């Protein structure tokens, strides 16, 4: 079988500005290959360890750079598409991290080899995870291949990742990721067409044999989406009338920089000084693009030093967020609860209503209290955004969140960092129609109505996997075979065990069962401690320890989180024997 290769570059008809400086106007010019290019079958062999986690396959860049390694995984992904790769339309893009451009060229060659019909690629490979989810949905694509390791560091010595999203715009379910893994274990060849590198910088359409490659503005469609959700006029008016209310958005040199530039500067009229680190870099400027108090320290320091009213950050691929202000930090658990409680401030939810609320199991129960008071159906699901997608597709979920700085709604099927930031601005602008209110005022008003769930997470990154596994195995035994002895036991400081288990979830939509999702110990006063191993790192194990204490005494609402939780943290460390099993005396990150 043979086919000719031709490249057609079109000038853009878009009136909006492109992601990067515009190129000279291009007329339609065909270039024909002098030879016919045929599909080649390239011999290969399986690689161990290509099982996708909750967010795709993440490894060090040097692992992906091994001969055939990336091609194998792309081929397995295409083979696992439920409707097949032939004739498919796929969205492709990512956070712009090191190795992205090489990987996209591989995807183009292998897509051509597998008779994919069309690729829709973000300009210069840049496409935030939320924007990709939106593009998949509005273009009615078969799915998408996202090149990201999310909040993990980038660069030649750090991480890369590949994940597949389904036609609903959400992450592939376990049935598909397991099929990908099974295929990687027996793959003996992959199919590709040898091509010259495709121009990824010019917006327009090119034809590579029978494969259509469309390079799109990375930002435009996403901005349209947000303007249909939020009251941009109200936010713009509030910011204009209250210049003392200052905003600082940190793109962390990840994918959201251009989105922040378009939304906060061009759409909302803020001065240029309202954004920082907004140029995407392959190594994220040498930083760790994780929006928390530890890794977004530059933002945190500037907010305090410059008395910034509203600070926000997003991560490498744009699906996480952090909200802070002078003297105020909004925990992700509180953030989703407040957005749910204030949903009527947002035009989208006034139109659609709130169908239900959901949180990941480790996330604090603050959201549950909103659901109970407002009469919303609510769900507790395992960690992983795909679990929310089923509920959304069934029309039973509107707003959801994870304690890992992920917040979102049913407007797409991924968590959405910039969405959460604009949601908070919308809520603040709405509140200020009645009286002046900043972040601290909104937090305190929420606590006065619902009580406060003090919450913190301790991350112990890249610990010895064997020691971490032994620790979790011991805890699982405590809450299973030893459960009867555990219940009713006083672990100190007045914390009496009410129950314990290894969280298991039966999906109410497809009835799939997810087991061993995290060890929970629940106390009689509603406090909880949870320990689980994370699958988002590229090497070693990450132990996550979560502690939560509910407080209904208004006199204690403004207590410092770590002070309020200190006795419970001591109980958690003693019960888990974390130091003994891992050798770690201090966490890598506290959030």
Protein backbone atom coordinates (compact mmCIF):
# COMPACT_ATOMS: atom_id res chain seq x y z
CA UNK A 1 0.00 0.00 0.00
CA UNK A 2 1.34 3.43 -0.85
CA UNK A 3 0.15 6.98 -0.61
CA UNK A 4 1.58 10.33 -1.56
CA UNK A 5 2.52 12.90 1.02
CA UNK A 6 1.59 16.53 0.52
CA UNK A 7 1.81 19.48 2.84
CA UNK A 8 -0.66 22.37 2.64
CA UNK A 9 -0.15 25.41 4.84
CA UNK A 10 -3.06 27.82 5.15
CA UNK A 11 -3.12 31.30 6.55
CA UNK A 12 -5.25 31.56 9.67
CA UNK A 13 -8.74 32.98 9.39
CA UNK A 14 -8.90 33.54 13.15
CA UNK A 15 -9.36 37.14 14.22
CA UNK A 16 -7.95 36.47 17.69
CA UNK A 17 -4.28 36.64 18.46
CA UNK A 18 -2.38 33.36 18.33
CA UNK A 19 -0.52 31.88 21.25
CA UNK A 20 2.89 33.05 20.07
CA UNK A 21 3.98 36.02 17.95
CA UNK A 22 2.19 35.89 14.56
CA UNK A 23 4.00 34.57 11.52
CA UNK A 24 4.08 36.32 8.18
CA UNK A 25 0.93 35.81 6.11
CA UNK A 26 1.13 32.55 4.22
CA UNK A 27 -0.62 31.86 0.97
CA UNK A 28 -1.85 28.37 0.21
CA UNK A 29 1.16 26.51 -1.15
CA UNK A 30 1.25 22.78 -1.91
CA UNK A 31 4.43 20.80 -1.62
CA UNK A 32 4.43 17.32 -3.09
CA UNK A 33 6.76 14.56 -2.04
CA UNK A 34 8.71 13.21 -5.01
CA UNK A 35 8.09 9.67 -3.76
CA UNK A 36 5.10 7.75 -2.54
CA UNK A 37 5.27 7.02 1.19
CA UNK A 38 4.03 3.69 2.46
CA UNK A 39 3.09 2.37 5.86
CA UNK A 40 6.03 0.59 7.45
CA UNK A 41 5.92 -2.07 10.12
CA UNK A 42 8.80 -1.40 12.51
CA UNK A 43 9.98 -4.43 14.55
CA UNK A 44 10.11 -3.85 18.29
CA UNK A 45 9.93 -5.69 21.58
CA UNK A 46 7.86 -5.12 24.74
CA UNK A 47 9.11 -2.89 27.56
CA UNK A 48 8.34 -3.63 31.18
CA UNK A 49 6.42 -1.12 33.25
CA UNK A 50 4.22 0.54 30.63
CA UNK A 51 1.08 0.30 32.78
CA UNK A 52 -0.73 3.67 32.83
CA UNK A 53 -1.61 5.02 36.27
CA UNK A 54 -4.54 7.24 37.21
CA UNK A 55 -3.12 9.96 34.95
CA UNK A 56 -1.46 8.01 32.14
CA UNK A 57 2.11 6.76 31.84
CA UNK A 58 4.73 8.85 33.64
CA UNK A 59 8.43 8.12 33.56
CA UNK A 60 11.71 10.00 33.38
CA UNK A 61 12.40 11.60 30.00
CA UNK A 62 15.37 9.31 29.49
CA UNK A 63 13.03 6.30 29.72
CA UNK A 64 10.80 7.72 26.98
CA UNK A 65 13.89 8.46 24.88
CA UNK A 66 14.83 4.78 24.66
CA UNK A 67 14.59 3.47 21.11
CA UNK A 68 11.00 2.37 20.35
CA UNK A 69 9.78 3.05 23.92
CA UNK A 70 7.50 5.99 23.13
CA UNK A 71 6.44 4.55 19.77
CA UNK A 72 5.41 1.31 21.48
CA UNK A 73 3.18 3.12 23.93
CA UNK A 74 1.59 5.29 21.22
CA UNK A 75 0.88 2.22 19.10
CA UNK A 76 -0.64 0.41 22.08
CA UNK A 77 -2.79 3.46 22.82
CA UNK A 78 -4.10 3.59 19.26
CA UNK A 79 -4.76 -0.15 19.29
CA UNK A 80 -6.76 0.23 22.52
CA UNK A 81 -9.16 2.89 21.18
CA UNK A 82 -12.56 1.22 21.57
CA UNK A 83 -13.77 2.27 18.11
CA UNK A 84 -10.38 1.72 16.47
CA UNK A 85 -7.72 4.10 15.21
CA UNK A 86 -8.66 3.90 11.53
CA UNK A 87 -10.72 6.97 10.60
CA UNK A 88 -10.36 8.48 14.08
CA UNK A 89 -10.08 12.18 14.92
CA UNK A 90 -7.70 12.83 17.80
CA UNK A 91 -6.80 15.98 19.74
CA UNK A 92 -3.08 16.21 20.58
CA UNK A 93 -1.23 18.61 22.86
CA UNK A 94 0.23 19.06 26.28
CA UNK A 95 2.04 21.23 28.77
CA UNK A 96 5.03 21.94 26.53
CA UNK A 97 7.49 20.08 28.72
CA UNK A 98 10.81 18.76 27.41
CA UNK A 99 10.42 16.02 24.75
CA UNK A 100 6.90 17.16 23.76
CA UNK A 101 7.78 18.24 20.23
CA UNK A 102 9.65 14.99 19.54
CA UNK A 103 6.72 12.98 20.87
CA UNK A 104 4.17 14.87 18.73
CA UNK A 105 6.17 14.12 15.57
CA UNK A 106 6.15 10.43 16.58
CA UNK A 107 2.38 10.60 17.10
CA UNK A 108 1.92 12.11 13.63
CA UNK A 109 4.00 9.38 11.98
CA UNK A 110 2.30 6.56 13.87
CA UNK A 111 -1.17 8.08 13.38
CA UNK A 112 -0.51 8.13 9.64
CA UNK A 113 0.65 4.53 9.84
CA UNK A 114 -2.58 3.53 11.57
CA UNK A 115 -4.83 5.41 9.12
CA UNK A 116 -6.05 7.98 11.62
CA UNK A 117 -8.18 10.52 9.72
CA UNK A 118 -7.33 13.76 11.52
CA UNK A 119 -5.13 15.21 14.25
CA UNK A 120 -6.05 18.51 15.94
CA UNK A 121 -2.84 19.77 17.55
CA UNK A 122 -2.28 22.75 19.84
CA UNK A 123 0.07 25.35 18.38
CA UNK A 124 3.66 24.50 19.30
CA UNK A 125 2.21 21.45 21.12
CA UNK A 126 0.72 23.75 23.81
CA UNK A 127 -2.74 22.70 24.99
CA UNK A 128 -3.81 22.68 28.62
CA UNK A 129 -5.53 19.53 29.83
CA UNK A 130 -8.84 21.40 30.35
CA UNK A 131 -8.57 23.01 26.90
CA UNK A 132 -7.89 19.58 25.35
CA UNK A 133 -10.96 18.14 27.09
CA UNK A 134 -13.04 21.01 25.74
CA UNK A 135 -11.66 20.58 22.20
CA UNK A 136 -12.41 16.85 22.23
CA UNK A 137 -16.00 17.63 23.19
CA UNK A 138 -16.74 20.54 20.85
CA UNK A 139 -15.03 18.87 17.87
CA UNK A 140 -16.73 15.53 18.65
CA UNK A 141 -13.32 13.86 18.42
CA UNK A 142 -12.70 10.17 19.00
CA UNK A 143 -10.38 11.06 21.85
CA UNK A 144 -7.12 12.77 22.63
CA UNK A 145 -3.47 12.08 23.38
CA UNK A 146 -2.17 14.42 26.07
CA UNK A 147 1.55 14.87 26.64
CA UNK A 148 1.93 15.82 30.26
CA UNK A 149 3.23 14.73 33.63
CA UNK A 150 0.98 17.35 35.22
CA UNK A 151 2.63 18.96 38.26
CA UNK A 152 5.85 16.91 38.07
CA UNK A 153 9.10 18.74 37.18
CA UNK A 154 10.19 18.88 33.53
CA UNK A 155 13.49 18.90 31.66
CA UNK A 156 15.89 16.28 30.29
CA UNK A 157 16.49 14.76 33.73
CA UNK A 158 12.89 14.92 34.94
CA UNK A 159 9.47 13.64 33.94
CA UNK A 160 7.39 13.12 30.82
CA UNK A 161 3.97 11.55 30.43
CA UNK A 162 1.38 10.37 27.93
CA UNK A 163 -2.32 9.85 28.68
CA UNK A 164 -5.35 9.02 26.56
CA UNK A 165 -8.69 10.79 26.93
CA UNK A 166 -12.00 9.42 25.68
CA UNK A 167 -14.62 10.99 23.44
CA UNK A 168 -16.32 12.58 26.45
CA UNK A 169 -13.10 14.52 27.08
CA UNK A 170 -12.26 12.59 30.23
CA UNK A 171 -9.39 10.27 31.16
CA UNK A 172 -9.54 6.71 29.87
CA UNK A 173 -11.26 4.30 32.27
CA UNK A 174 -9.41 1.35 33.75
CA UNK A 175 -10.73 -1.03 31.09
CA UNK A 176 -8.94 1.01 28.42
CA UNK A 177 -5.74 1.69 30.37
CA UNK A 178 -5.46 -2.01 31.20
CA UNK A 179 -5.95 -2.86 27.53
CA UNK A 180 -3.13 -0.45 26.66
CA UNK A 181 -0.91 -2.21 29.17
CA UNK A 182 -1.82 -5.68 27.88
CA UNK A 183 -0.94 -4.62 24.34
CA UNK A 184 2.43 -3.18 25.44
CA UNK A 185 3.32 -6.57 26.90
CA UNK A 186 3.02 -8.44 23.61
CA UNK A 187 3.77 -5.77 21.00
CA UNK A 188 6.19 -6.93 18.31
CA UNK A 189 5.89 -4.03 15.85
CA UNK A 190 4.39 -0.61 15.36
CA UNK A 191 3.12 1.04 12.17
CA UNK A 192 4.35 4.38 10.92
CA UNK A 193 4.90 6.48 7.82
CA UNK A 194 8.32 8.11 7.46
CA UNK A 195 7.71 11.85 7.22
CA UNK A 196 9.60 15.09 7.34
CA UNK A 197 8.83 17.00 10.56
CA UNK A 198 5.44 18.72 10.40
CA UNK A 199 5.31 22.47 11.11
CA UNK A 200 3.68 22.82 14.53
CA UNK A 201 3.99 26.59 14.79
CA UNK A 202 1.64 27.85 12.07
CA UNK A 203 -2.11 27.81 12.63
CA UNK A 204 -3.87 26.11 9.73
CA UNK A 205 -4.29 22.74 8.06
CA UNK A 206 -1.72 20.45 6.46
CA UNK A 207 -2.28 17.16 4.68
CA UNK A 208 0.14 14.32 5.20
CA UNK A 209 -1.00 11.67 2.76
CA UNK A 210 -4.52 10.82 3.89
CA UNK A 211 -3.92 12.29 7.34
CA UNK A 212 -5.21 15.81 8.00
CA UNK A 213 -3.21 17.80 10.56
CA UNK A 214 -4.84 20.95 11.91
CA UNK A 215 -2.78 23.28 14.09
CA UNK A 216 -5.12 25.32 16.31
CA UNK A 217 -4.86 28.34 18.57
CA UNK A 218 -4.32 26.82 22.00
CA UNK A 219 -6.32 29.41 23.92
CA UNK A 220 -9.24 30.73 21.86
CA UNK A 221 -11.88 28.00 22.25
CA UNK A 222 -11.19 27.69 25.98
CA UNK A 223 -11.72 31.42 26.52
CA UNK A 224 -15.06 31.19 24.69
CA UNK A 225 -16.00 28.34 27.03
CA UNK A 226 -15.24 30.32 30.20
CA UNK A 227 -17.06 33.41 28.94
CA UNK A 228 -20.17 31.24 28.56
CA UNK A 229 -19.83 30.05 32.17
CA UNK A 230 -18.87 33.12 34.19
CA UNK A 231 -20.04 36.73 34.37
CA UNK A 232 -16.99 38.40 32.83
CA UNK A 233 -18.80 41.76 32.75
CA UNK A 234 -19.43 41.62 36.50
CA UNK A 235 -15.82 40.61 37.26
CA UNK A 236 -14.41 43.27 34.94
CA UNK A 237 -16.64 45.94 36.49
CA UNK A 238 -15.67 44.92 40.03
CA UNK A 239 -11.95 44.98 39.24
CA UNK A 240 -12.27 48.35 37.49
CA UNK A 241 -14.22 49.98 40.35
CA UNK A 242 -11.98 48.53 43.06
CA UNK A 243 -8.38 49.08 41.95
CA UNK A 244 -7.26 48.45 45.54
CA UNK A 245 -8.31 44.80 45.02
CA UNK A 246 -5.14 43.48 43.47
CA UNK A 247 -4.68 40.19 41.60
CA UNK A 248 -1.56 38.12 40.91
CA UNK A 249 -1.71 34.96 38.80
CA UNK A 250 1.30 32.63 38.64
CA UNK A 251 1.53 30.43 35.53
CA UNK A 252 4.60 28.68 37.03
CA UNK A 253 6.07 28.62 33.48
CA UNK A 254 3.54 25.92 32.68
CA UNK A 255 0.86 25.70 30.05
CA UNK A 256 -1.57 28.22 31.61
CA UNK A 257 0.62 31.28 31.07
CA UNK A 258 -0.93 32.18 27.70
CA UNK A 259 -4.42 31.44 29.08
CA UNK A 260 -3.78 33.74 32.04
CA UNK A 261 -2.46 36.44 29.74
CA UNK A 262 -5.58 36.30 27.56
CA UNK A 263 -8.12 36.05 30.38
CA UNK A 264 -6.74 38.27 33.13
CA UNK A 265 -5.03 40.94 31.03
CA UNK A 266 -6.95 41.11 27.75
CA UNK A 267 -10.44 40.02 28.82
CA UNK A 268 -10.64 41.33 32.39
CA UNK A 269 -8.49 44.41 31.85
CA UNK A 270 -5.98 43.87 34.64
CA UNK A 271 -2.52 45.48 34.37
CA UNK A 272 0.37 43.38 33.06
CA UNK A 273 1.87 43.19 36.55
CA UNK A 274 -1.08 40.97 37.53
CA UNK A 275 0.55 37.90 35.96
CA UNK A 276 3.92 36.24 36.56
CA UNK A 277 5.87 33.31 35.09
CA UNK A 278 3.48 33.18 32.15
CA UNK A 279 5.85 31.99 29.41
CA UNK A 280 5.69 28.18 29.03
CA UNK A 281 9.16 26.64 29.32
CA UNK A 282 10.23 23.01 28.68
CA UNK A 283 11.73 22.77 32.18
CA UNK A 284 9.22 25.13 33.84
CA UNK A 285 12.08 27.51 34.56
CA UNK A 286 13.75 24.90 36.73
CA UNK A 287 10.82 24.94 39.14
CA UNK A 288 8.33 22.35 40.34
CA UNK A 289 5.03 23.36 38.67
CA UNK A 290 2.81 22.25 41.55
CA UNK A 291 0.56 25.03 42.92
CA UNK A 292 0.93 24.61 46.66
CA UNK A 293 2.45 26.61 49.48
CA UNK A 294 5.81 24.87 49.11
CA UNK A 295 6.44 24.97 45.37
CA UNK A 296 4.59 28.22 44.58
CA UNK A 297 6.65 29.99 47.24
CA UNK A 298 7.46 32.91 44.93
CA UNK A 299 3.77 33.71 44.61
CA UNK A 300 3.16 33.19 48.34
CA UNK A 301 6.01 35.55 49.25
CA UNK A 302 4.85 38.25 46.84
CA UNK A 303 1.23 38.06 48.02
CA UNK A 304 2.34 38.66 51.62
CA UNK A 305 5.01 41.25 50.84
CA UNK A 306 2.91 43.26 48.36
CA UNK A 307 -0.42 42.88 50.20
CA UNK A 308 -2.03 41.19 47.20
CA UNK A 309 -5.79 40.73 47.66
CA UNK A 310 -6.11 37.68 45.43
CA UNK A 311 -3.31 35.34 44.43
CA UNK A 312 -3.70 32.23 42.30
CA UNK A 313 -1.53 29.65 40.58
CA UNK A 314 -1.99 26.72 38.24
CA UNK A 315 0.21 23.72 37.55
CA UNK A 316 2.17 22.35 34.59
CA UNK A 317 -0.80 21.20 32.52
CA UNK A 318 -3.41 23.58 33.91
CA UNK A 319 -5.73 21.23 35.75
CA UNK A 320 -4.79 22.25 39.32
CA UNK A 321 -5.08 25.53 41.20
CA UNK A 322 -4.26 27.31 44.41
CA UNK A 323 -6.14 30.31 45.83
CA UNK A 324 -4.51 32.59 48.41
CA UNK A 325 -4.69 36.17 49.63
CA UNK A 326 -2.88 38.35 52.11
CA UNK A 327 -3.08 36.30 55.33
CA UNK A 328 -5.44 33.75 53.75
CA UNK A 329 -5.01 30.32 52.23
CA UNK A 330 -7.98 28.47 50.73
CA UNK A 331 -7.56 24.72 51.10
CA UNK A 332 -8.74 22.80 48.02
CA UNK A 333 -11.34 21.08 50.24
CA UNK A 334 -12.75 24.44 51.34
CA UNK A 335 -12.51 25.81 47.80
CA UNK A 336 -14.83 23.25 46.23
CA UNK A 337 -17.23 23.53 49.19
CA UNK A 338 -17.44 27.31 48.84
CA UNK A 339 -17.89 27.17 45.06
CA UNK A 340 -20.74 24.70 45.61
CA UNK A 341 -22.29 26.83 48.35
CA UNK A 342 -22.05 29.96 46.17
CA UNK A 343 -23.02 28.32 42.86
CA UNK A 344 -25.90 30.72 42.32
CA UNK A 345 -23.34 33.49 41.81
CA UNK A 346 -22.22 31.78 38.59
CA UNK A 347 -24.44 32.13 35.47
CA UNK A 348 -23.72 28.57 34.27
CA UNK A 349 -25.18 27.01 37.41
CA UNK A 350 -28.12 29.40 37.42
CA UNK A 351 -28.93 27.98 33.97
CA UNK A 352 -28.25 24.30 34.63
CA UNK A 353 -28.93 23.98 38.33
CA UNK A 354 -26.68 21.91 40.60
CA UNK A 355 -27.26 18.23 39.84
CA UNK A 356 -24.98 16.85 42.52
CA UNK A 357 -21.65 17.22 44.32
CA UNK A 358 -18.71 14.84 44.66
CA UNK A 359 -15.27 14.68 46.23
CA UNK A 360 -12.39 12.25 46.27
CA UNK A 361 -12.28 10.10 49.40
CA UNK A 362 -9.25 11.87 51.00
CA UNK A 363 -10.81 15.32 50.47
CA UNK A 364 -12.37 16.80 53.60
CA UNK A 365 -16.07 16.35 54.27
CA UNK A 366 -16.73 20.11 54.03
CA UNK A 367 -18.45 19.51 50.67
CA UNK A 368 -20.75 16.91 52.24
CA UNK A 369 -22.02 19.53 54.70
CA UNK A 370 -22.98 21.85 51.82
CA UNK A 371 -24.75 18.99 50.04
CA UNK A 372 -26.72 18.00 53.13
CA UNK A 373 -27.81 21.57 53.88
CA UNK A 374 -28.84 22.31 50.29
CA UNK A 375 -30.35 18.90 49.58
CA UNK A 376 -27.92 17.91 46.81
CA UNK A 377 -26.99 14.32 46.04
CA UNK A 378 -23.34 13.78 46.91
CA UNK A 379 -20.70 11.13 46.26
CA UNK A 380 -17.38 10.01 47.74
CA UNK A 381 -15.16 8.49 45.04
CA UNK A 382 -11.59 7.16 44.73
CA UNK A 383 -8.79 9.51 43.71
CA UNK A 384 -8.82 9.97 39.93
CA UNK A 385 -10.92 12.35 37.87
CA UNK A 386 -12.32 9.55 35.70
CA UNK A 387 -14.63 8.58 38.57
CA UNK A 388 -16.33 11.97 38.38
CA UNK A 389 -16.81 11.63 34.61
CA UNK A 390 -19.26 8.73 34.85
CA UNK A 391 -21.44 10.70 37.26
CA UNK A 392 -21.31 13.79 35.03
CA UNK A 393 -22.21 11.83 31.90
CA UNK A 394 -25.19 10.38 33.79
CA UNK A 395 -26.39 13.87 34.72
CA UNK A 396 -25.87 13.38 38.45
CA UNK A 397 -22.88 15.66 39.12
CA UNK A 398 -22.17 19.36 38.61
CA UNK A 399 -19.33 20.38 40.96
CA UNK A 400 -16.50 18.25 42.29
CA UNK A 401 -13.02 18.42 43.71
CA UNK A 402 -9.94 16.70 45.05
CA UNK A 403 -7.76 17.80 47.95
CA UNK A 404 -4.79 17.63 45.56
CA UNK A 405 -5.65 21.13 44.28
CA UNK A 406 -8.09 19.86 41.65
CA UNK A 407 -11.48 21.55 41.25
CA UNK A 408 -13.97 21.41 38.42
CA UNK A 409 -17.45 20.96 37.07
CA UNK A 410 -19.38 19.25 34.31
CA UNK A 411 -18.38 21.89 31.72
CA UNK A 412 -15.58 19.46 30.74
CA UNK A 413 -14.39 16.07 31.98
CA UNK A 414 -11.12 17.12 33.61
CA UNK A 415 -10.31 19.21 36.64
CA UNK A 416 -9.72 22.80 35.61
CA UNK A 417 -7.33 25.18 37.35
CA UNK A 418 -8.15 28.39 35.49
CA UNK A 419 -11.89 27.64 35.80
CA UNK A 420 -11.51 27.53 39.58
CA UNK A 421 -9.58 30.81 39.65
CA UNK A 422 -12.24 32.61 37.59
CA UNK A 423 -14.98 30.97 39.69
CA UNK A 424 -13.48 32.58 42.79
CA UNK A 425 -13.26 35.97 41.09
CA UNK A 426 -16.91 35.62 40.05
CA UNK A 427 -17.94 34.72 43.63
CA UNK A 428 -15.97 37.66 45.08
CA UNK A 429 -17.40 40.10 42.53
CA UNK A 430 -20.93 38.85 43.29
CA UNK A 431 -20.41 39.14 47.06
CA UNK A 432 -19.17 42.70 46.66
CA UNK A 433 -22.45 43.77 45.11
CA UNK A 434 -23.83 43.74 48.68
CA UNK A 435 -20.78 44.66 50.78
CA UNK A 436 -17.01 44.66 50.54
CA UNK A 437 -15.61 41.15 50.95
CA UNK A 438 -12.28 39.51 50.26
CA UNK A 439 -11.05 35.95 50.54
CA UNK A 440 -10.85 35.95 54.37
CA UNK A 441 -14.38 37.35 54.67
CA UNK A 442 -15.81 34.67 52.38
CA UNK A 443 -13.97 31.91 54.24
CA UNK A 444 -15.20 33.09 57.64
CA UNK A 445 -18.79 33.50 56.42
CA UNK A 446 -18.69 29.91 55.15
CA UNK A 447 -17.34 28.59 58.46
CA UNK A 448 -20.02 30.47 60.38
CA UNK A 449 -22.67 28.71 58.34
CA UNK A 450 -21.19 25.22 57.99
CA UNK A 451 -18.43 24.88 60.60
CA UNK A 452 -14.78 24.40 59.71
CA UNK A 453 -13.05 21.23 58.57
CA UNK A 454 -9.38 21.66 59.45
CA UNK A 455 -7.46 19.63 56.89
CA UNK A 456 -3.85 18.97 55.92
CA UNK A 457 -1.89 16.56 53.75
CA UNK A 458 1.66 15.36 54.38
CA UNK A 459 3.51 14.08 51.31
CA UNK A 460 6.58 11.87 51.66
CA UNK A 461 7.96 11.72 48.11
CA UNK A 462 10.24 9.10 46.51
CA UNK A 463 10.44 6.90 49.59
CA UNK A 464 11.58 3.29 49.44
CA UNK A 465 8.74 1.37 47.78
CA UNK A 466 9.25 -1.80 49.81
CA UNK A 467 9.09 -0.02 53.16
CA UNK A 468 6.04 2.00 52.11
CA UNK A 469 4.23 -1.14 50.93
CA UNK A 470 4.96 -2.96 54.21
CA UNK A 471 3.57 0.01 56.15
CA UNK A 472 0.34 0.01 54.15
CA UNK A 473 0.01 -3.78 54.40
CA UNK A 474 0.22 -3.51 58.19
CA UNK A 475 -2.44 -0.79 58.25
CA UNK A 476 -4.71 -2.85 56.00
CA UNK A 477 -4.45 -5.71 58.48
CA UNK A 478 -5.33 -3.32 61.33
CA UNK A 479 -8.58 -2.24 59.63
CA UNK A 480 -9.55 -5.70 58.38
CA UNK A 481 -8.56 -8.68 60.55
CA UNK A 482 -7.80 -6.35 63.46
CA UNK A 483 -10.83 -4.09 62.97
CA UNK A 484 -12.79 -5.42 65.95
CA UNK A 485 -9.91 -4.61 68.29
CA UNK A 486 -9.41 -1.18 66.72
CA UNK A 487 -13.00 0.05 67.05
CA UNK A 488 -13.57 1.81 70.37
CA UNK A 489 -9.87 2.21 71.02
CA UNK A 490 -8.63 5.57 72.37
CA UNK A 491 -5.49 6.44 70.38
CA UNK A 492 -4.70 9.44 72.56
CA UNK A 493 -5.75 13.09 72.83
CA UNK A 494 -9.37 11.96 73.03
CA UNK A 495 -9.44 10.41 69.55
CA UNK A 496 -11.59 7.28 69.87
CA UNK A 497 -11.88 5.04 66.80
CA UNK A 498 -15.40 4.74 65.37
CA UNK A 499 -14.46 2.69 62.29
CA UNK A 500 -11.68 1.80 59.90
CA UNK A 501 -11.44 0.28 56.43
CA UNK A 502 -9.57 0.12 53.15
CA UNK A 503 -11.81 2.29 50.99
CA UNK A 504 -13.71 0.44 48.27
CA UNK A 505 -15.98 2.06 45.70
CA UNK A 506 -18.73 0.61 43.55
CA UNK A 507 -19.48 2.98 40.67
CA UNK A 508 -23.24 3.69 40.72
CA UNK A 509 -23.28 4.07 36.94
CA UNK A 510 -21.30 1.15 35.51
CA UNK A 511 -21.11 -0.96 38.72
CA UNK A 512 -17.33 -1.31 38.42
CA UNK A 513 -15.54 -1.90 41.72
CA UNK A 514 -12.34 -0.15 42.83
CA UNK A 515 -10.61 -1.75 45.83
CA UNK A 516 -7.72 -0.79 48.11
CA UNK A 517 -8.12 2.94 47.54
CA UNK A 518 -6.69 4.07 50.87
CA UNK A 519 -6.73 3.11 54.53
CA UNK A 520 -9.22 5.16 56.56
CA UNK A 521 -9.53 5.54 60.31
CA UNK A 522 -12.64 7.48 61.37
CA UNK A 523 -13.07 8.84 64.90
CA UNK A 524 -16.18 9.38 66.98
CA UNK A 525 -15.93 13.19 66.68
CA UNK A 526 -15.92 13.00 62.84
CA UNK A 527 -12.16 13.42 62.53
CA UNK A 528 -10.40 11.22 59.98
CA UNK A 529 -6.94 10.07 59.08
CA UNK A 530 -6.14 8.46 55.74
CA UNK A 531 -2.98 6.91 54.31
CA UNK A 532 -2.51 5.90 50.70
CA UNK A 533 0.25 5.42 48.16
CA UNK A 534 0.15 7.70 45.13
CA UNK A 535 0.64 6.53 41.57
CA UNK A 536 1.56 9.91 40.09
CA UNK A 537 5.33 9.86 40.70
CA UNK A 538 7.81 8.53 38.17
CA UNK A 539 10.05 6.64 40.58
CA UNK A 540 9.96 5.43 44.17
CA UNK A 541 6.73 5.69 46.15
CA UNK A 542 4.87 8.72 47.46
CA UNK A 543 3.13 8.23 50.80
CA UNK A 544 0.25 10.61 51.41
CA UNK A 545 -1.03 11.15 54.94
CA UNK A 546 -4.30 13.08 55.30
CA UNK A 547 -5.69 14.42 58.57
CA UNK A 548 -9.06 16.13 59.11
CA UNK A 549 -10.73 17.54 62.22
CA UNK A 550 -14.18 19.14 62.27
CA UNK A 551 -14.69 22.21 64.45
CA UNK A 552 -18.06 23.78 65.27
CA UNK A 553 -16.85 26.31 67.86
CA UNK A 554 -16.75 29.77 66.19
CA UNK A 555 -14.05 30.88 68.63
CA UNK A 556 -11.68 28.39 66.96
CA UNK A 557 -12.47 29.06 63.28
CA UNK A 558 -9.45 31.32 62.87
CA UNK A 559 -6.98 28.94 64.56
CA UNK A 560 -3.92 28.01 62.53
CA UNK A 561 -4.41 24.72 60.71
CA UNK A 562 -1.25 22.98 61.91
CA UNK A 563 -1.95 24.01 65.52
CA UNK A 564 -5.50 22.66 65.34
CA UNK A 565 -4.33 19.39 63.80
CA UNK A 566 -1.14 18.78 65.77
CA UNK A 567 -2.62 16.21 68.22
CA UNK A 568 -4.26 14.26 65.38
CA UNK A 569 -1.06 14.30 63.31
CA UNK A 570 0.79 12.83 66.28
CA UNK A 571 -1.82 10.07 66.51
CA UNK A 572 -1.50 9.38 62.77
CA UNK A 573 2.29 9.08 62.87
CA UNK A 574 2.19 6.78 65.88
CA UNK A 575 -0.53 4.55 64.43
CA UNK A 576 1.11 4.29 60.99
CA UNK A 577 4.69 3.89 62.26
CA UNK A 578 5.61 5.91 59.18
CA UNK A 579 9.07 6.91 60.38
CA UNK A 580 9.94 3.32 61.29
CA UNK A 581 8.88 1.96 57.90
CA UNK A 582 10.16 4.74 55.60
CA UNK A 583 13.01 6.31 57.56
CA UNK A 584 11.44 9.74 57.00
CA UNK A 585 11.08 12.09 59.95
CA UNK A 586 9.76 15.03 57.96
CA UNK A 587 7.40 15.24 54.98
CA UNK A 588 8.58 16.58 51.62
CA UNK A 589 5.53 18.83 51.31
CA UNK A 590 2.80 19.94 53.72
CA UNK A 591 -0.42 21.31 52.24
